[in-house]
């Protein structure tokens, strides 16, 4: 590897480290906002008997955003999270019953 390539790689790594530091602080803020959404949903569920759809969507997209920060920070992707890319779209709520789990087939032990 040439000296200029190493220098460019080092500068790229330093720039990425700076972005990771910025996203670390964004992560901390997002965790607080997510906690507020969770508590608000809990209170609304207790008072109204149902969750708020807008808060569900915000919570889902915010949790996806935090996951994007984690993927960028752990070098699983080079794609920077919002505002360098699109804000994650909320997925539909998954509140249905889970399909039943089938028991594993029992294996007969060999007789001595």
N, C-alpha and C. Protein backbone atom coordinates (compact mmCIF):
# COMPACT_ATOMS: atom_id res chain seq x y z
N UNK A 1 0.84 -1.16 0.00
CA UNK A 1 0.00 0.00 0.00
C UNK A 1 0.89 1.24 0.00
N UNK A 2 0.56 2.20 -0.81
CA UNK A 2 1.40 3.39 -0.92
C UNK A 2 1.18 4.32 0.27
N UNK A 3 2.12 5.22 0.45
CA UNK A 3 2.05 6.18 1.55
C UNK A 3 0.84 7.09 1.41
N UNK A 4 0.55 7.51 0.19
CA UNK A 4 -0.60 8.39 -0.02
C UNK A 4 -1.91 7.67 0.28
N UNK A 5 -1.98 6.37 -0.03
CA UNK A 5 -3.18 5.59 0.27
C UNK A 5 -3.36 5.44 1.78
N UNK A 6 -2.28 5.18 2.50
CA UNK A 6 -2.35 5.07 3.96
C UNK A 6 -2.79 6.39 4.58
N UNK A 7 -2.26 7.49 4.07
CA UNK A 7 -2.63 8.80 4.57
C UNK A 7 -4.11 9.08 4.34
N UNK A 8 -4.60 8.72 3.15
CA UNK A 8 -6.01 8.92 2.84
C UNK A 8 -6.89 8.04 3.73
N UNK A 9 -6.47 6.79 3.96
CA UNK A 9 -7.22 5.89 4.84
C UNK A 9 -7.26 6.42 6.26
N UNK A 10 -6.14 6.95 6.72
CA UNK A 10 -6.06 7.49 8.07
C UNK A 10 -6.97 8.72 8.21
N UNK A 11 -6.96 9.61 7.21
CA UNK A 11 -7.83 10.78 7.23
C UNK A 11 -9.29 10.36 7.20
N UNK A 12 -9.61 9.34 6.41
CA UNK A 12 -10.97 8.82 6.35
C UNK A 12 -11.40 8.25 7.70
N UNK A 13 -10.49 7.55 8.35
CA UNK A 13 -10.80 6.98 9.66
C UNK A 13 -10.99 8.07 10.71
N UNK A 14 -10.18 9.11 10.65
CA UNK A 14 -10.33 10.22 11.58
C UNK A 14 -11.67 10.93 11.36
N UNK A 15 -12.04 11.13 10.11
CA UNK A 15 -13.32 11.75 9.80
C UNK A 15 -14.48 10.88 10.30
N UNK A 16 -14.36 9.57 10.09
CA UNK A 16 -15.40 8.67 10.57
C UNK A 16 -15.48 8.71 12.10
N UNK A 17 -14.35 8.78 12.77
CA UNK A 17 -14.34 8.86 14.23
C UNK A 17 -15.05 10.13 14.71
N UNK A 18 -14.84 11.22 14.00
CA UNK A 18 -15.54 12.46 14.35
C UNK A 18 -17.05 12.32 14.18
N UNK A 19 -17.46 11.69 13.07
CA UNK A 19 -18.89 11.45 12.86
C UNK A 19 -19.44 10.53 13.95
N UNK A 20 -18.66 9.53 14.33
CA UNK A 20 -19.11 8.62 15.38
C UNK A 20 -19.30 9.36 16.70
N UNK A 21 -18.43 10.32 16.98
CA UNK A 21 -18.56 11.13 18.19
C UNK A 21 -19.83 11.98 18.14
N UNK A 22 -20.10 12.58 17.00
CA UNK A 22 -21.32 13.36 16.84
C UNK A 22 -22.54 12.47 17.04
N UNK A 23 -22.54 11.30 16.39
CA UNK A 23 -23.69 10.41 16.49
C UNK A 23 -23.82 9.79 17.88
N UNK A 24 -22.72 9.73 18.64
CA UNK A 24 -22.82 9.28 20.02
C UNK A 24 -23.71 10.23 20.82
N UNK A 25 -23.51 11.54 20.64
CA UNK A 25 -24.34 12.51 21.36
C UNK A 25 -25.78 12.50 20.86
N UNK A 26 -25.97 12.30 19.55
CA UNK A 26 -27.32 12.19 19.00
C UNK A 26 -28.00 10.96 19.58
N UNK A 27 -27.25 9.85 19.71
CA UNK A 27 -27.78 8.62 20.30
C UNK A 27 -28.30 8.89 21.71
N UNK A 28 -27.51 9.63 22.51
CA UNK A 28 -27.91 9.94 23.88
C UNK A 28 -29.22 10.73 23.91
N UNK A 29 -29.35 11.70 23.02
CA UNK A 29 -30.58 12.48 22.94
C UNK A 29 -31.75 11.61 22.48
N UNK A 30 -31.51 10.76 21.49
CA UNK A 30 -32.56 9.88 20.98
C UNK A 30 -33.05 8.92 22.05
N UNK A 31 -32.14 8.44 22.91
CA UNK A 31 -32.55 7.55 24.00
C UNK A 31 -33.51 8.25 24.96
N UNK A 32 -33.25 9.51 25.25
CA UNK A 32 -34.12 10.27 26.15
C UNK A 32 -35.49 10.46 25.50
N UNK A 33 -35.51 10.83 24.23
CA UNK A 33 -36.77 11.01 23.52
C UNK A 33 -37.54 9.69 23.46
N UNK A 34 -36.85 8.59 23.21
CA UNK A 34 -37.49 7.29 23.17
C UNK A 34 -38.06 6.91 24.53
N UNK A 35 -37.36 7.23 25.59
CA UNK A 35 -37.88 6.99 26.94
C UNK A 35 -39.16 7.78 27.18
N UNK A 36 -39.20 9.03 26.74
CA UNK A 36 -40.40 9.84 26.89
C UNK A 36 -41.56 9.23 26.11
N UNK A 37 -41.30 8.75 24.91
CA UNK A 37 -42.34 8.11 24.10
C UNK A 37 -42.85 6.85 24.79
N UNK A 38 -41.95 6.05 25.34
CA UNK A 38 -42.34 4.81 26.02
C UNK A 38 -43.24 5.13 27.23
N UNK A 39 -42.84 6.09 28.03
CA UNK A 39 -43.63 6.45 29.22
C UNK A 39 -44.97 7.03 28.80
N UNK A 40 -44.97 7.88 27.77
CA UNK A 40 -46.22 8.46 27.29
C UNK A 40 -47.17 7.37 26.79
N UNK A 41 -46.64 6.40 26.06
CA UNK A 41 -47.48 5.29 25.57
C UNK A 41 -48.03 4.47 26.74
N UNK A 42 -47.23 4.26 27.74
CA UNK A 42 -47.69 3.52 28.91
C UNK A 42 -48.83 4.25 29.60
N UNK A 43 -48.68 5.55 29.78
CA UNK A 43 -49.73 6.35 30.41
C UNK A 43 -50.99 6.36 29.55
N UNK A 44 -50.84 6.57 28.25
CA UNK A 44 -52.00 6.58 27.36
C UNK A 44 -52.70 5.24 27.33
N UNK A 45 -51.95 4.17 27.36
CA UNK A 45 -52.55 2.83 27.38
C UNK A 45 -53.34 2.63 28.67
N UNK A 46 -52.79 3.11 29.79
CA UNK A 46 -53.48 2.96 31.07
C UNK A 46 -54.73 3.83 31.14
N UNK A 47 -54.67 5.03 30.60
CA UNK A 47 -55.79 5.97 30.70
C UNK A 47 -56.86 5.70 29.64
N UNK A 48 -56.43 5.57 28.38
CA UNK A 48 -57.37 5.43 27.26
C UNK A 48 -57.66 3.99 26.87
N UNK A 49 -56.83 3.08 27.30
CA UNK A 49 -57.00 1.69 26.90
C UNK A 49 -56.42 1.37 25.54
N UNK A 50 -55.78 2.34 24.91
CA UNK A 50 -55.14 2.08 23.62
C UNK A 50 -53.94 3.01 23.46
N UNK A 51 -53.00 2.57 22.64
CA UNK A 51 -51.79 3.35 22.38
C UNK A 51 -52.06 4.40 21.32
N UNK A 52 -51.28 5.46 21.31
CA UNK A 52 -51.39 6.53 20.34
C UNK A 52 -50.63 6.13 19.07
N UNK A 53 -51.32 6.17 17.94
CA UNK A 53 -50.72 5.74 16.67
C UNK A 53 -49.54 6.62 16.27
N UNK A 54 -49.65 7.91 16.46
CA UNK A 54 -48.55 8.81 16.10
C UNK A 54 -47.31 8.52 16.93
N UNK A 55 -47.51 8.25 18.22
CA UNK A 55 -46.36 7.92 19.07
C UNK A 55 -45.78 6.56 18.72
N UNK A 56 -46.63 5.63 18.28
CA UNK A 56 -46.13 4.33 17.82
C UNK A 56 -45.21 4.53 16.63
N UNK A 57 -45.64 5.34 15.67
CA UNK A 57 -44.82 5.58 14.49
C UNK A 57 -43.53 6.29 14.84
N UNK A 58 -43.61 7.30 15.71
CA UNK A 58 -42.41 8.01 16.13
C UNK A 58 -41.45 7.05 16.84
N UNK A 59 -41.97 6.24 17.74
CA UNK A 59 -41.14 5.29 18.47
C UNK A 59 -40.48 4.28 17.55
N UNK A 60 -41.21 3.81 16.56
CA UNK A 60 -40.65 2.83 15.63
C UNK A 60 -39.54 3.45 14.78
N UNK A 61 -39.81 4.61 14.20
CA UNK A 61 -38.79 5.23 13.35
C UNK A 61 -37.59 5.67 14.18
N UNK A 62 -37.82 6.12 15.42
CA UNK A 62 -36.72 6.52 16.28
C UNK A 62 -35.86 5.32 16.68
N UNK A 63 -36.50 4.19 16.95
CA UNK A 63 -35.72 3.00 17.30
C UNK A 63 -34.93 2.49 16.09
N UNK A 64 -35.48 2.61 14.89
CA UNK A 64 -34.72 2.26 13.68
C UNK A 64 -33.54 3.20 13.49
N UNK A 65 -33.75 4.48 13.81
CA UNK A 65 -32.68 5.46 13.69
C UNK A 65 -31.54 5.14 14.65
N UNK A 66 -31.87 4.79 15.88
CA UNK A 66 -30.84 4.41 16.85
C UNK A 66 -30.09 3.17 16.34
N UNK A 67 -30.82 2.25 15.73
CA UNK A 67 -30.17 1.06 15.16
C UNK A 67 -29.23 1.45 14.02
N UNK A 68 -29.62 2.42 13.21
CA UNK A 68 -28.74 2.88 12.13
C UNK A 68 -27.45 3.49 12.70
N UNK A 69 -27.58 4.25 13.79
CA UNK A 69 -26.39 4.82 14.42
C UNK A 69 -25.49 3.69 14.92
N UNK A 70 -26.09 2.67 15.53
CA UNK A 70 -25.31 1.54 16.01
C UNK A 70 -24.61 0.81 14.88
N UNK A 71 -25.29 0.62 13.76
CA UNK A 71 -24.67 -0.07 12.63
C UNK A 71 -23.52 0.75 12.06
N UNK A 72 -23.68 2.07 12.00
CA UNK A 72 -22.60 2.92 11.50
C UNK A 72 -21.43 2.90 12.47
N UNK A 73 -21.71 2.99 13.75
CA UNK A 73 -20.66 3.03 14.75
C UNK A 73 -19.87 1.74 14.87
N UNK A 74 -20.50 0.63 14.55
CA UNK A 74 -19.83 -0.67 14.65
C UNK A 74 -19.27 -1.14 13.30
N UNK A 75 -19.20 -0.23 12.35
CA UNK A 75 -18.62 -0.49 11.03
C UNK A 75 -19.39 -1.55 10.24
N UNK A 76 -20.68 -1.70 10.52
CA UNK A 76 -21.50 -2.62 9.73
C UNK A 76 -22.00 -1.96 8.45
N UNK A 77 -21.90 -0.64 8.39
CA UNK A 77 -22.29 0.10 7.19
C UNK A 77 -21.46 1.38 7.12
N UNK A 78 -21.29 1.87 5.92
CA UNK A 78 -20.64 3.16 5.73
C UNK A 78 -21.66 4.27 5.56
N UNK A 79 -22.93 3.89 5.48
CA UNK A 79 -24.01 4.87 5.29
C UNK A 79 -24.27 5.61 6.59
N UNK A 80 -24.11 6.92 6.56
CA UNK A 80 -24.35 7.73 7.75
C UNK A 80 -25.86 7.88 7.96
N UNK A 81 -26.29 7.85 9.23
CA UNK A 81 -27.71 8.04 9.53
C UNK A 81 -28.17 9.46 9.22
N UNK A 82 -29.46 9.70 9.42
CA UNK A 82 -30.04 11.02 9.22
C UNK A 82 -29.24 12.03 10.01
N UNK A 83 -28.94 13.16 9.52
CA UNK A 83 -29.49 13.87 8.36
C UNK A 83 -28.73 13.63 7.05
N UNK A 84 -27.72 12.73 7.08
CA UNK A 84 -27.00 12.44 5.84
C UNK A 84 -27.76 11.48 4.94
N UNK A 85 -28.76 10.80 5.47
CA UNK A 85 -29.62 9.93 4.68
C UNK A 85 -31.06 10.15 5.14
N UNK A 86 -31.97 9.44 4.52
CA UNK A 86 -33.39 9.62 4.84
C UNK A 86 -33.72 9.14 6.25
N UNK A 87 -34.72 9.78 6.85
CA UNK A 87 -35.22 9.34 8.15
C UNK A 87 -35.94 8.00 7.94
N UNK A 88 -35.76 7.05 8.84
CA UNK A 88 -36.41 5.73 8.67
C UNK A 88 -37.94 5.83 8.69
N UNK A 89 -38.56 5.07 7.83
CA UNK A 89 -40.03 5.04 7.78
C UNK A 89 -40.53 4.06 8.83
N UNK A 90 -41.58 4.45 9.55
CA UNK A 90 -42.12 3.53 10.56
C UNK A 90 -42.76 2.31 9.91
N UNK A 91 -42.60 1.18 10.56
CA UNK A 91 -43.21 -0.06 10.10
C UNK A 91 -44.57 -0.20 10.78
N UNK A 92 -45.48 -0.94 10.17
CA UNK A 92 -46.78 -1.15 10.83
C UNK A 92 -46.59 -1.86 12.17
N UNK A 93 -47.47 -1.55 13.10
CA UNK A 93 -47.40 -2.17 14.43
C UNK A 93 -47.58 -3.68 14.29
N UNK A 94 -46.84 -4.41 15.07
CA UNK A 94 -46.89 -5.87 15.06
C UNK A 94 -47.46 -6.32 16.40
N UNK A 95 -48.77 -6.20 16.55
CA UNK A 95 -49.39 -6.49 17.83
C UNK A 95 -50.24 -7.75 17.80
N UNK A 96 -50.19 -8.48 16.70
CA UNK A 96 -50.94 -9.72 16.61
C UNK A 96 -50.30 -10.80 17.45
N UNK A 97 -51.04 -11.87 17.61
CA UNK A 97 -50.49 -12.98 18.38
C UNK A 97 -49.41 -13.68 17.58
N UNK A 98 -48.40 -14.09 18.27
CA UNK A 98 -47.32 -14.83 17.63
C UNK A 98 -47.82 -16.22 17.26
N UNK A 99 -47.34 -16.77 16.16
CA UNK A 99 -47.75 -18.12 15.79
C UNK A 99 -47.28 -19.11 16.85
N UNK A 100 -48.05 -20.15 17.08
CA UNK A 100 -47.65 -21.12 18.11
C UNK A 100 -46.33 -21.79 17.74
N UNK A 101 -45.55 -22.07 18.74
CA UNK A 101 -44.28 -22.73 18.55
C UNK A 101 -44.51 -24.24 18.57
N UNK A 102 -44.02 -24.89 17.54
CA UNK A 102 -44.17 -26.33 17.45
C UNK A 102 -43.08 -27.00 18.29
N UNK A 103 -43.44 -27.99 19.09
CA UNK A 103 -42.40 -28.68 19.87
C UNK A 103 -41.45 -29.42 18.95
N UNK A 104 -40.20 -29.47 19.37
CA UNK A 104 -39.20 -30.18 18.60
C UNK A 104 -39.50 -31.67 18.65
N UNK A 105 -39.27 -32.37 17.53
CA UNK A 105 -39.52 -33.82 17.54
C UNK A 105 -38.56 -34.50 18.51
N UNK A 106 -39.11 -35.37 19.31
CA UNK A 106 -38.26 -36.05 20.29
C UNK A 106 -37.45 -37.14 19.60
N UNK A 107 -36.23 -37.23 20.02
CA UNK A 107 -35.35 -38.25 19.46
C UNK A 107 -35.33 -39.42 20.43
N UNK A 108 -35.47 -40.59 19.88
CA UNK A 108 -35.41 -41.79 20.73
C UNK A 108 -33.97 -42.12 21.02
N UNK A 109 -33.71 -42.41 22.30
CA UNK A 109 -32.36 -42.78 22.66
C UNK A 109 -32.14 -44.26 22.32
N UNK A 110 -30.97 -44.58 21.83
CA UNK A 110 -30.71 -46.00 21.49
C UNK A 110 -30.69 -46.84 22.77
N UNK A 111 -31.24 -48.03 22.65
CA UNK A 111 -31.26 -48.96 23.77
C UNK A 111 -29.93 -49.70 23.85
N UNK A 112 -29.37 -49.89 25.08
CA UNK A 112 -28.09 -50.61 25.18
C UNK A 112 -28.22 -52.09 24.96
